[in-house]
Amino acid sequence: MPDVIETSGLTKTYSSGRGQPGVRAVDHLDLVVPEGEVFGFLGPNGAGKTTTIRMLTGLIRPTSGSAQVLGFDLLRDITRIKKRTGMVPEASNLYDELSAFDNLVFAMQLYGVPRAERAARAEELLARFRLSDKRDTPFARLSRGMKRALTVAAALAHRPSLLFLDEPTTGLDVMSARSLRAMIAGLRDEGTSIFLTTHYLEEAERLCDQIAIVVGGRIVAQDTVSGLKASLQEEPVVEVTLARPDGRVETRRTGGGADLTGTVRSVLDELPGWQVIALNTVRPTLEDVFVKLTGLSAEAMLTEKDGKRQGNAG
């Protein structure tokens, strides 16, 4: 399949003023995103994720480097790119005073959807995102989950080939987040390419076909989820659950190597009288990979995210 995004040396530097060196938010980014996939773009706060999206959607210009989006040059063909892509920013960008229906119609006006198609398309999107009964409700009065769903719907109003999702489930309750993840998976199954940033590593592991991990504006790893995990695990780790002679249960981990039977035997040789209750091969998670590459745990990542959101709200 062709690639929907291809960048070469894409760089964004923000001026610090007063003769100070600029801040390089994105640093010579070389990125390839295949068509028809959910592509995860992960990293800690300040890694350059949102800046990258803002460049690829034409909101800001790169300092240097080049990019192709849907086969169009980022600098020469940005109007064509905008007509074929959708963007869901971290904070919903719809109009509080407009109803759900009117927000969708307005989005279609902006993207040049023919007038004769707008009403039917709006009703179709409301039904798809289970918002038909909120058709005439002002955006400001919708729940947070409904607001996110309507924001995604608006980004799809013109049937884009590529959808950018910047932290789409941040701040949602469990059921709303689950519903939105199902929508994302459904869009991918229909052929929409999706570029996703998220601080929820379990969400990325569940949704993404490929993942790039970015630190300090540079990609430090890119592969499938299984490929990233395999790169971390040099040899299998075996978790052995044992019953001690006094009846208590204890779990131990040890390097497995190729000879699983030999591994268990070596554990029992050190523990005479113990019995094996359960035996599992422990495989690394995406969180393990992320921690190794960034030095930041998933918990710290979410703490950063919560602090940033509260700061923006203040």
C-alpha atoms as a PDB file:
ATOM      1  CA  MET A   1       0.000   0.000   0.000  1.00  0.00           C
ATOM      2  CA  PRO A   2       1.186   3.595  -0.618  1.00  0.00           C
ATOM      3  CA  ASP A   3       2.279   5.846   2.216  1.00  0.00           C
ATOM      4  CA  VAL A   4      -0.037   8.642   3.387  1.00  0.00           C
ATOM      5  CA  ILE A   5       2.745  10.582   5.139  1.00  0.00           C
ATOM      6  CA  GLU A   6       6.435  10.740   4.315  1.00  0.00           C
ATOM      7  CA  THR A   7       8.766  13.293   5.881  1.00  0.00           C
ATOM      8  CA  SER A   8      12.456  13.950   5.378  1.00  0.00           C
ATOM      9  CA  GLY A   9      14.404  16.066   7.840  1.00  0.00           C
ATOM     10  CA  LEU A  10      11.224  17.837   8.974  1.00  0.00           C
ATOM     11  CA  THR A  11      12.267  20.439  11.553  1.00  0.00           C
ATOM     12  CA  LYS A  12      10.565  23.173  13.561  1.00  0.00           C
ATOM     13  CA  THR A  13      12.553  25.665  15.607  1.00  0.00           C
ATOM     14  CA  TYR A  14      10.903  28.355  17.696  1.00  0.00           C
ATOM     15  CA  SER A  15      12.823  31.571  18.270  1.00  0.00           C
ATOM     16  CA  SER A  16      13.746  32.347  21.867  1.00  0.00           C
ATOM     17  CA  GLY A  17      14.480  36.036  21.187  1.00  0.00           C
ATOM     18  CA  ARG A  18      17.148  38.260  22.737  1.00  0.00           C
ATOM     19  CA  GLY A  19      19.865  36.517  20.788  1.00  0.00           C
ATOM     20  CA  GLN A  20      19.273  33.188  22.544  1.00  0.00           C
ATOM     21  CA  PRO A  21      19.353  29.887  20.617  1.00  0.00           C
ATOM     22  CA  GLY A  22      15.988  28.754  19.341  1.00  0.00           C
ATOM     23  CA  VAL A  23      14.038  25.830  20.791  1.00  0.00           C
ATOM     24  CA  ARG A  24      13.950  22.902  18.363  1.00  0.00           C
ATOM     25  CA  ALA A  25      10.572  21.243  18.925  1.00  0.00           C
ATOM     26  CA  VAL A  26      10.895  18.803  16.003  1.00  0.00           C
ATOM     27  CA  ASP A  27      14.392  17.759  14.994  1.00  0.00           C
ATOM     28  CA  HIS A  28      14.998  16.347  11.490  1.00  0.00           C
ATOM     29  CA  LEU A  29      12.037  14.002  11.584  1.00  0.00           C
ATOM     30  CA  ASP A  30      12.093  11.127   9.087  1.00  0.00           C
ATOM     31  CA  LEU A  31       8.711   9.442   9.180  1.00  0.00           C
ATOM     32  CA  VAL A  32       6.791   7.020   6.969  1.00  0.00           C
ATOM     33  CA  VAL A  33       3.107   6.296   7.649  1.00  0.00           C
ATOM     34  CA  PRO A  34       1.433   3.533   5.577  1.00  0.00           C
ATOM     35  CA  GLU A  35      -2.059   3.860   4.166  1.00  0.00           C
ATOM     36  CA  GLY A  36      -5.027   2.259   5.928  1.00  0.00           C
ATOM     37  CA  GLU A  37      -3.461   1.934   9.392  1.00  0.00           C
ATOM     38  CA  VAL A  38      -3.770   3.461  12.825  1.00  0.00           C
ATOM     39  CA  PHE A  39      -0.321   4.952  13.325  1.00  0.00           C
ATOM     40  CA  GLY A  40       0.622   5.812  16.903  1.00  0.00           C
ATOM     41  CA  PHE A  41       2.931   8.766  17.578  1.00  0.00           C
ATOM     42  CA  LEU A  42       3.965   8.488  21.227  1.00  0.00           C
ATOM     43  CA  GLY A  43       6.242  10.405  23.533  1.00  0.00           C
ATOM     44  CA  PRO A  44       6.384  12.467  26.724  1.00  0.00           C
ATOM     45  CA  ASN A  45       5.188  16.068  26.923  1.00  0.00           C
ATOM     46  CA  GLY A  46       7.445  18.359  24.933  1.00  0.00           C
ATOM     47  CA  ALA A  47       8.525  15.581  22.576  1.00  0.00           C
ATOM     48  CA  GLY A  48       7.152  17.405  19.514  1.00  0.00           C
ATOM     49  CA  LYS A  49       3.982  15.399  18.852  1.00  0.00           C
ATOM     50  CA  THR A  50       1.495  18.249  18.562  1.00  0.00           C
ATOM     51  CA  THR A  51       4.003  20.420  16.694  1.00  0.00           C
ATOM     52  CA  THR A  52       4.403  17.625  14.156  1.00  0.00           C
ATOM     53  CA  ILE A  53       0.640  17.412  13.651  1.00  0.00           C
ATOM     54  CA  ARG A  54       0.377  21.188  13.314  1.00  0.00           C
ATOM     55  CA  MET A  55       2.995  21.136  10.569  1.00  0.00           C
ATOM     56  CA  LEU A  56       1.459  18.200   8.719  1.00  0.00           C
ATOM     57  CA  THR A  57      -1.974  19.868   8.738  1.00  0.00           C
ATOM     58  CA  GLY A  58      -0.669  23.249   7.584  1.00  0.00           C
ATOM     59  CA  LEU A  59      -1.297  25.168  10.811  1.00  0.00           C
ATOM     60  CA  ILE A  60       2.384  26.123  11.095  1.00  0.00           C
ATOM     61  CA  ARG A  61       5.229  26.075   8.582  1.00  0.00           C
ATOM     62  CA  PRO A  62       8.320  23.911   9.043  1.00  0.00           C
ATOM     63  CA  THR A  63      11.637  25.621   9.597  1.00  0.00           C
ATOM     64  CA  SER A  64      13.299  23.150   7.236  1.00  0.00           C
ATOM     65  CA  GLY A  65      12.864  19.734   5.702  1.00  0.00           C
ATOM     66  CA  SER A  66      10.108  18.371   3.483  1.00  0.00           C
ATOM     67  CA  ALA A  67       6.968  16.275   3.700  1.00  0.00           C
ATOM     68  CA  GLN A  68       4.446  14.584   1.462  1.00  0.00           C
ATOM     69  CA  VAL A  69       0.892  14.110   2.755  1.00  0.00           C
ATOM     70  CA  LEU A  70      -1.420  11.960   0.634  1.00  0.00           C
ATOM     71  CA  GLY A  71       1.050  12.443  -2.191  1.00  0.00           C
ATOM     72  CA  PHE A  72       0.957  16.253  -2.034  1.00  0.00           C
ATOM     73  CA  ASP A  73       3.892  18.482  -1.143  1.00  0.00           C
ATOM     74  CA  LEU A  74       3.388  20.068   2.275  1.00  0.00           C
ATOM     75  CA  LEU A  75       4.619  23.504   1.246  1.00  0.00           C
ATOM     76  CA  ARG A  76       3.194  23.756  -2.276  1.00  0.00           C
ATOM     77  CA  ASP A  77      -0.113  21.873  -1.974  1.00  0.00           C
ATOM     78  CA  ILE A  78      -1.397  22.626   1.513  1.00  0.00           C
ATOM     79  CA  THR A  79      -4.888  23.547   0.238  1.00  0.00           C
ATOM     80  CA  ARG A  80      -5.251  20.133  -1.385  1.00  0.00           C
ATOM     81  CA  ILE A  81      -3.959  18.455   1.768  1.00  0.00           C
ATOM     82  CA  LYS A  82      -6.517  20.271   3.961  1.00  0.00           C
ATOM     83  CA  LYS A  83      -9.377  19.199   1.694  1.00  0.00           C
ATOM     84  CA  ARG A  84      -8.401  15.536   2.091  1.00  0.00           C
ATOM     85  CA  THR A  85      -7.482  15.394   5.778  1.00  0.00           C
ATOM     86  CA  GLY A  86      -9.403  15.786   9.036  1.00  0.00           C
ATOM     87  CA  MET A  87      -8.091  17.071  12.335  1.00  0.00           C
ATOM     88  CA  VAL A  88      -9.324  16.429  15.881  1.00  0.00           C
ATOM     89  CA  PRO A  89      -7.303  18.673  18.207  1.00  0.00           C
ATOM     90  CA  GLU A  90      -6.677  17.924  21.865  1.00  0.00           C
ATOM     91  CA  ALA A  91      -9.313  20.493  22.863  1.00  0.00           C
ATOM     92  CA  SER A  92     -12.610  20.387  20.973  1.00  0.00           C
ATOM     93  CA  ASN A  93     -12.842  23.271  18.503  1.00  0.00           C
ATOM     94  CA  LEU A  94     -16.567  23.415  17.752  1.00  0.00           C
ATOM     95  CA  TYR A  95     -18.900  26.316  18.529  1.00  0.00           C
ATOM     96  CA  ASP A  96     -20.663  26.303  21.897  1.00  0.00           C
ATOM     97  CA  GLU A  97     -23.741  28.190  20.706  1.00  0.00           C
ATOM     98  CA  LEU A  98     -24.366  26.028  17.622  1.00  0.00           C
ATOM     99  CA  SER A  99     -26.342  22.804  17.832  1.00  0.00           C
ATOM    100  CA  ALA A 100     -24.782  19.444  17.051  1.00  0.00           C
ATOM    101  CA  PHE A 101     -26.453  19.489  13.621  1.00  0.00           C
ATOM    102  CA  ASP A 102     -25.426  23.069  12.830  1.00  0.00           C
ATOM    103  CA  ASN A 103     -21.812  22.443  13.848  1.00  0.00           C
ATOM    104  CA  LEU A 104     -21.628  19.595  11.341  1.00  0.00           C
ATOM    105  CA  VAL A 105     -23.213  21.659   8.589  1.00  0.00           C
ATOM    106  CA  PHE A 106     -20.813  24.523   9.289  1.00  0.00           C
ATOM    107  CA  ALA A 107     -17.834  22.138   9.099  1.00  0.00           C
ATOM    108  CA  MET A 108     -19.093  20.985   5.700  1.00  0.00           C
ATOM    109  CA  GLN A 109     -19.353  24.577   4.512  1.00  0.00           C
ATOM    110  CA  LEU A 110     -15.725  25.145   5.476  1.00  0.00           C
ATOM    111  CA  TYR A 111     -14.606  22.070   3.553  1.00  0.00           C
ATOM    112  CA  GLY A 112     -16.680  22.829   0.474  1.00  0.00           C
ATOM    113  CA  VAL A 113     -19.153  19.959   0.715  1.00  0.00           C
ATOM    114  CA  PRO A 114     -21.940  20.710  -1.812  1.00  0.00           C
ATOM    115  CA  ARG A 115     -24.977  22.354  -0.219  1.00  0.00           C
ATOM    116  CA  ALA A 116     -27.334  19.621  -1.433  1.00  0.00           C
ATOM    117  CA  GLU A 117     -25.368  16.957   0.474  1.00  0.00           C
ATOM    118  CA  ARG A 118     -24.914  18.688   3.810  1.00  0.00           C
ATOM    119  CA  ALA A 119     -28.156  17.925   5.662  1.00  0.00           C
ATOM    120  CA  ALA A 120     -28.162  14.233   4.779  1.00  0.00           C
ATOM    121  CA  ARG A 121     -24.476  13.901   5.627  1.00  0.00           C
ATOM    122  CA  ALA A 122     -25.018  15.610   8.996  1.00  0.00           C
ATOM    123  CA  GLU A 123     -27.890  13.284   9.867  1.00  0.00           C
ATOM    124  CA  GLU A 124     -25.771  10.293   8.819  1.00  0.00           C
ATOM    125  CA  LEU A 125     -22.913  11.352  11.094  1.00  0.00           C
ATOM    126  CA  LEU A 126     -25.231  12.053  14.032  1.00  0.00           C
ATOM    127  CA  ALA A 127     -26.682   8.563  13.690  1.00  0.00           C
ATOM    128  CA  ARG A 128     -23.271   6.953  13.371  1.00  0.00           C
ATOM    129  CA  PHE A 129     -21.967   8.604  16.523  1.00  0.00           C
ATOM    130  CA  ARG A 130     -25.236   7.987  18.426  1.00  0.00           C
ATOM    131  CA  LEU A 131     -26.023  11.671  18.679  1.00  0.00           C
ATOM    132  CA  SER A 132     -29.303  11.825  16.766  1.00  0.00           C
ATOM    133  CA  ASP A 133     -31.272  12.577  19.932  1.00  0.00           C
ATOM    134  CA  LYS A 134     -28.872  15.511  20.571  1.00  0.00           C
ATOM    135  CA  ARG A 135     -29.372  16.918  17.084  1.00  0.00           C
ATOM    136  CA  ASP A 136     -30.674  20.296  18.279  1.00  0.00           C
ATOM    137  CA  THR A 137     -28.680  20.507  21.529  1.00  0.00           C
ATOM    138  CA  PRO A 138     -26.084  23.307  21.708  1.00  0.00           C
ATOM    139  CA  PHE A 139     -22.521  21.999  21.806  1.00  0.00           C
ATOM    140  CA  ALA A 140     -21.946  23.644  25.206  1.00  0.00           C
ATOM    141  CA  ARG A 141     -24.654  21.461  26.781  1.00  0.00           C
ATOM    142  CA  LEU A 142     -23.282  18.128  25.584  1.00  0.00           C
ATOM    143  CA  SER A 143     -21.359  15.811  27.901  1.00  0.00           C
ATOM    144  CA  ARG A 144     -17.587  15.628  27.495  1.00  0.00           C
ATOM    145  CA  GLY A 145     -17.829  12.277  25.725  1.00  0.00           C
ATOM    146  CA  MET A 146     -20.485  13.596  23.346  1.00  0.00           C
ATOM    147  CA  LYS A 147     -18.368  16.662  22.614  1.00  0.00           C
ATOM    148  CA  ARG A 148     -15.429  14.475  21.631  1.00  0.00           C
ATOM    149  CA  ALA A 149     -17.650  12.263  19.494  1.00  0.00           C
ATOM    150  CA  LEU A 150     -19.120  15.296  17.709  1.00  0.00           C
ATOM    151  CA  THR A 151     -15.631  16.746  17.172  1.00  0.00           C
ATOM    152  CA  VAL A 152     -14.580  13.518  15.470  1.00  0.00           C
ATOM    153  CA  ALA A 153     -17.788  13.571  13.426  1.00  0.00           C
ATOM    154  CA  ALA A 154     -17.061  17.135  12.278  1.00  0.00           C
ATOM    155  CA  ALA A 155     -13.550  16.120  11.218  1.00  0.00           C
ATOM    156  CA  LEU A 156     -15.131  13.393   9.067  1.00  0.00           C
ATOM    157  CA  ALA A 157     -17.741  15.691   7.515  1.00  0.00           C
ATOM    158  CA  HIS A 158     -15.910  15.866   4.156  1.00  0.00           C
ATOM    159  CA  ARG A 159     -14.910  12.165   4.104  1.00  0.00           C
ATOM    160  CA  PRO A 160     -11.142  12.644   4.568  1.00  0.00           C
ATOM    161  CA  SER A 161      -8.670   9.943   3.610  1.00  0.00           C
ATOM    162  CA  LEU A 162      -6.427  10.760   6.578  1.00  0.00           C
ATOM    163  CA  LEU A 163      -7.534  11.687  10.098  1.00  0.00           C
ATOM    164  CA  PHE A 164      -5.266  13.271  12.716  1.00  0.00           C
ATOM    165  CA  LEU A 165      -6.314  12.553  16.319  1.00  0.00           C
ATOM    166  CA  ASP A 166      -4.447  14.455  19.043  1.00  0.00           C
ATOM    167  CA  GLU A 167      -5.145  12.886  22.456  1.00  0.00           C
ATOM    168  CA  PRO A 168      -8.764  12.015  21.548  1.00  0.00           C
ATOM    169  CA  THR A 169      -9.721  10.191  24.772  1.00  0.00           C
ATOM    170  CA  THR A 170      -8.002  12.423  27.339  1.00  0.00           C
ATOM    171  CA  GLY A 171     -10.390  13.317  30.138  1.00  0.00           C
ATOM    172  CA  LEU A 172     -13.160  10.958  29.058  1.00  0.00           C
ATOM    173  CA  ASP A 173     -14.888   8.523  31.381  1.00  0.00           C
ATOM    174  CA  VAL A 174     -14.294   4.810  30.836  1.00  0.00           C
ATOM    175  CA  MET A 175     -17.405   4.172  28.738  1.00  0.00           C
ATOM    176  CA  SER A 176     -16.928   7.246  26.535  1.00  0.00           C
ATOM    177  CA  ALA A 177     -13.278   6.365  25.950  1.00  0.00           C
ATOM    178  CA  ARG A 178     -14.200   2.782  25.076  1.00  0.00           C
ATOM    179  CA  SER A 179     -16.836   4.002  22.633  1.00  0.00           C
ATOM    180  CA  LEU A 180     -14.403   6.387  20.956  1.00  0.00           C
ATOM    181  CA  ARG A 181     -11.759   3.662  20.641  1.00  0.00           C
ATOM    182  CA  ALA A 182     -14.341   1.454  18.944  1.00  0.00           C
ATOM    183  CA  MET A 183     -15.105   4.303  16.528  1.00  0.00           C
ATOM    184  CA  ILE A 184     -11.402   4.664  15.722  1.00  0.00           C
ATOM    185  CA  ALA A 185     -11.056   0.950  15.036  1.00  0.00           C
ATOM    186  CA  GLY A 186     -14.159   1.068  12.853  1.00  0.00           C
ATOM    187  CA  LEU A 187     -12.780   3.948  10.791  1.00  0.00           C
ATOM    188  CA  ARG A 188      -9.561   2.034  10.198  1.00  0.00           C
ATOM    189  CA  ASP A 189     -11.556  -1.013   9.073  1.00  0.00           C
ATOM    190  CA  GLU A 190     -13.339   1.208   6.545  1.00  0.00           C
ATOM    191  CA  GLY A 191     -10.028   2.327   5.058  1.00  0.00           C
ATOM    192  CA  THR A 192      -9.420   5.660   6.788  1.00  0.00           C
ATOM    193  CA  SER A 193      -5.775   6.210   7.699  1.00  0.00           C
ATOM    194  CA  ILE A 194      -5.356   7.543  11.250  1.00  0.00           C
ATOM    195  CA  PHE A 195      -2.452   9.390  12.851  1.00  0.00           C
ATOM    196  CA  LEU A 196      -2.922   9.118  16.624  1.00  0.00           C
ATOM    197  CA  THR A 197      -1.215  10.670  19.609  1.00  0.00           C
ATOM    198  CA  THR A 198      -2.126   9.411  23.066  1.00  0.00           C
ATOM    199  CA  HIS A 199      -0.698   9.268  26.579  1.00  0.00           C
ATOM    200  CA  TYR A 200      -2.539   6.006  27.237  1.00  0.00           C
ATOM    201  CA  LEU A 201      -0.087   3.253  26.320  1.00  0.00           C
ATOM    202  CA  GLU A 202      -2.655   0.480  26.699  1.00  0.00           C
ATOM    203  CA  GLU A 203      -4.862   2.351  24.224  1.00  0.00           C
ATOM    204  CA  ALA A 204      -1.996   2.617  21.745  1.00  0.00           C
ATOM    205  CA  GLU A 205      -1.137  -1.060  22.169  1.00  0.00           C
ATOM    206  CA  ARG A 206      -4.744  -2.009  21.492  1.00  0.00           C
ATOM    207  CA  LEU A 207      -5.394   0.275  18.501  1.00  0.00           C
ATOM    208  CA  CYS A 208      -2.167   0.870  16.604  1.00  0.00           C
ATOM    209  CA  ASP A 209      -0.770  -1.109  13.704  1.00  0.00           C
ATOM    210  CA  GLN A 210       2.550   0.725  13.946  1.00  0.00           C
ATOM    211  CA  ILE A 211       4.039   3.048  16.525  1.00  0.00           C
ATOM    212  CA  ALA A 212       6.784   5.657  16.462  1.00  0.00           C
ATOM    213  CA  ILE A 213       8.232   6.782  19.792  1.00  0.00           C
ATOM    214  CA  VAL A 214       9.584  10.323  19.750  1.00  0.00           C
ATOM    215  CA  VAL A 215      11.868  11.937  22.329  1.00  0.00           C
ATOM    216  CA  GLY A 216      13.207  15.480  22.055  1.00  0.00           C
ATOM    217  CA  GLY A 217      11.736  15.897  18.587  1.00  0.00           C
ATOM    218  CA  ARG A 218      13.474  12.792  17.223  1.00  0.00           C
ATOM    219  CA  ILE A 219      12.147   9.311  16.540  1.00  0.00           C
ATOM    220  CA  VAL A 220      13.965   6.795  18.719  1.00  0.00           C
ATOM    221  CA  ALA A 221      12.022   3.719  17.538  1.00  0.00           C
ATOM    222  CA  GLN A 222       9.397   2.794  14.957  1.00  0.00           C
ATOM    223  CA  ASP A 223       7.870  -0.634  14.392  1.00  0.00           C
ATOM    224  CA  THR A 224       4.749  -2.698  14.892  1.00  0.00           C
ATOM    225  CA  VAL A 225       3.678  -3.232  18.492  1.00  0.00           C
ATOM    226  CA  SER A 226       4.959  -6.812  18.392  1.00  0.00           C
ATOM    227  CA  GLY A 227       8.201  -5.665  16.789  1.00  0.00           C
ATOM    228  CA  LEU A 228       8.814  -3.070  19.491  1.00  0.00           C
ATOM    229  CA  LYS A 229       8.190  -5.668  22.180  1.00  0.00           C
ATOM    230  CA  ALA A 230      10.486  -8.188  20.505  1.00  0.00           C
ATOM    231  CA  SER A 231      13.267  -5.601  20.358  1.00  0.00           C
ATOM    232  CA  LEU A 232      13.183  -5.347  24.157  1.00  0.00           C
ATOM    233  CA  GLN A 233      13.202  -9.024  25.000  1.00  0.00           C
ATOM    234  CA  GLU A 234      16.572 -10.665  24.508  1.00  0.00           C
ATOM    235  CA  GLU A 235      15.454 -13.978  25.991  1.00  0.00           C
ATOM    236  CA  PRO A 236      12.160 -15.287  27.397  1.00  0.00           C
ATOM    237  CA  VAL A 237      11.402 -14.628  31.051  1.00  0.00           C
ATOM    238  CA  VAL A 238       9.656 -17.458  32.871  1.00  0.00           C
ATOM    239  CA  GLU A 239       7.358 -16.854  35.850  1.00  0.00           C
ATOM    240  CA  VAL A 240       7.092 -19.920  38.064  1.00  0.00           C
ATOM    241  CA  THR A 241       4.428 -20.114  40.783  1.00  0.00           C
ATOM    242  CA  LEU A 242       5.407 -22.603  43.495  1.00  0.00           C
ATOM    243  CA  ALA A 243       3.905 -24.131  46.633  1.00  0.00           C
ATOM    244  CA  ARG A 244       6.349 -24.077  49.502  1.00  0.00           C
ATOM    245  CA  PRO A 245       6.621 -27.002  51.937  1.00  0.00           C
ATOM    246  CA  ASP A 246       4.712 -24.954  54.531  1.00  0.00           C
ATOM    247  CA  GLY A 247       1.818 -24.486  52.073  1.00  0.00           C
ATOM    248  CA  ARG A 248       2.449 -20.860  51.207  1.00  0.00           C
ATOM    249  CA  VAL A 249       2.633 -19.793  47.554  1.00  0.00           C
ATOM    250  CA  GLU A 250       5.510 -17.867  46.024  1.00  0.00           C
ATOM    251  CA  THR A 251       6.226 -16.606  42.500  1.00  0.00           C
ATOM    252  CA  ARG A 252       9.692 -16.339  41.005  1.00  0.00           C
ATOM    253  CA  ARG A 253      10.993 -15.051  37.677  1.00  0.00           C
ATOM    254  CA  THR A 254      14.017 -16.304  35.828  1.00  0.00           C
ATOM    255  CA  GLY A 255      15.565 -16.141  32.369  1.00  0.00           C
ATOM    256  CA  GLY A 256      14.041 -18.885  30.237  1.00  0.00           C
ATOM    257  CA  GLY A 257      16.388 -19.432  27.367  1.00  0.00           C
ATOM    258  CA  ALA A 258      15.461 -22.141  24.886  1.00  0.00           C
ATOM    259  CA  ASP A 259      15.232 -25.005  27.384  1.00  0.00           C
ATOM    260  CA  LEU A 260      12.059 -24.341  29.395  1.00  0.00           C
ATOM    261  CA  THR A 261      12.155 -27.738  31.126  1.00  0.00           C
ATOM    262  CA  GLY A 262      15.741 -27.172  32.148  1.00  0.00           C
ATOM    263  CA  THR A 263      14.865 -23.763  33.532  1.00  0.00           C
ATOM    264  CA  VAL A 264      12.130 -25.175  35.768  1.00  0.00           C
ATOM    265  CA  ARG A 265      14.381 -28.032  36.888  1.00  0.00           C
ATOM    266  CA  SER A 266      17.111 -25.562  37.881  1.00  0.00           C
ATOM    267  CA  VAL A 267      14.595 -23.614  39.995  1.00  0.00           C
ATOM    268  CA  LEU A 268      13.401 -26.770  41.765  1.00  0.00           C
ATOM    269  CA  ASP A 269      16.971 -27.959  42.345  1.00  0.00           C
ATOM    270  CA  GLU A 270      17.496 -24.820  44.402  1.00  0.00           C
ATOM    271  CA  LEU A 271      14.215 -25.330  46.294  1.00  0.00           C
ATOM    272  CA  PRO A 272      13.867 -28.960  47.405  1.00  0.00           C
ATOM    273  CA  GLY A 273      10.371 -29.931  48.502  1.00  0.00           C
ATOM    274  CA  TRP A 274       8.664 -27.141  46.547  1.00  0.00           C
ATOM    275  CA  GLN A 275       6.021 -27.930  43.910  1.00  0.00           C
ATOM    276  CA  VAL A 276       5.204 -26.124  40.646  1.00  0.00           C
ATOM    277  CA  ILE A 277       1.620 -24.781  40.541  1.00  0.00           C
ATOM    278  CA  ALA A 278       1.765 -22.633  37.407  1.00  0.00           C
ATOM    279  CA  LEU A 279       4.210 -21.712  34.700  1.00  0.00           C
ATOM    280  CA  ASN A 280       3.982 -18.664  32.416  1.00  0.00           C
ATOM    281  CA  THR A 281       6.222 -16.991  29.882  1.00  0.00           C
ATOM    282  CA  VAL A 282       6.330 -13.267  30.682  1.00  0.00           C
ATOM    283  CA  ARG A 283       6.414 -11.010  27.651  1.00  0.00           C
ATOM    284  CA  PRO A 284       7.231  -7.286  27.664  1.00  0.00           C
ATOM    285  CA  THR A 285       4.448  -4.734  27.278  1.00  0.00           C
ATOM    286  CA  LEU A 286       4.464  -1.534  25.266  1.00  0.00           C
ATOM    287  CA  GLU A 287       4.904   0.250  28.584  1.00  0.00           C
ATOM    288  CA  ASP A 288       8.146  -1.665  29.163  1.00  0.00           C
ATOM    289  CA  VAL A 289       9.409  -0.521  25.760  1.00  0.00           C
ATOM    290  CA  PHE A 290       8.335   3.068  26.398  1.00  0.00           C
ATOM    291  CA  VAL A 291      10.041   3.197  29.794  1.00  0.00           C
ATOM    292  CA  LYS A 292      13.284   1.846  28.372  1.00  0.00           C
ATOM    293  CA  LEU A 293      13.362   4.299  25.459  1.00  0.00           C
ATOM    294  CA  THR A 294      12.179   7.433  27.256  1.00  0.00           C
ATOM    295  CA  GLY A 295      13.029   6.828  30.905  1.00  0.00           C
ATOM    296  CA  LEU A 296       9.466   7.904  31.732  1.00  0.00           C
ATOM    297  CA  SER A 297       6.918   5.505  33.219  1.00  0.00           C
ATOM    298  CA  ALA A 298       3.305   5.360  32.083  1.00  0.00           C
ATOM    299  CA  GLU A 299       2.234   6.731  35.481  1.00  0.00           C
ATOM    300  CA  ALA A 300       4.594   9.696  35.165  1.00  0.00           C
ATOM    301  CA  MET A 301       3.383  10.283  31.630  1.00  0.00           C
ATOM    302  CA  LEU A 302      -0.237  10.481  32.769  1.00  0.00           C
ATOM    303  CA  THR A 303       0.737  12.748  35.672  1.00  0.00           C
ATOM    304  CA  GLU A 304       2.393  15.083  33.192  1.00  0.00           C
ATOM    305  CA  LYS A 305      -0.720  14.996  31.054  1.00  0.00           C
ATOM    306  CA  ASP A 306      -3.079  15.726  33.944  1.00  0.00           C
ATOM    307  CA  GLY A 307      -0.896  18.627  35.091  1.00  0.00           C
ATOM    308  CA  LYS A 308      -0.826  20.092  31.598  1.00  0.00           C
ATOM    309  CA  ARG A 309      -4.610  19.801  31.237  1.00  0.00           C
ATOM    310  CA  GLN A 310      -5.244  21.447  34.605  1.00  0.00           C
ATOM    311  CA  GLY A 311      -2.797  24.206  33.730  1.00  0.00           C
ATOM    312  CA  ASN A 312      -4.555  24.884  30.447  1.00  0.00           C
ATOM    313  CA  ALA A 313      -7.906  24.966  32.228  1.00  0.00           C
ATOM    314  CA  GLY A 314      -6.707  27.596  34.680  1.00  0.00           C
END
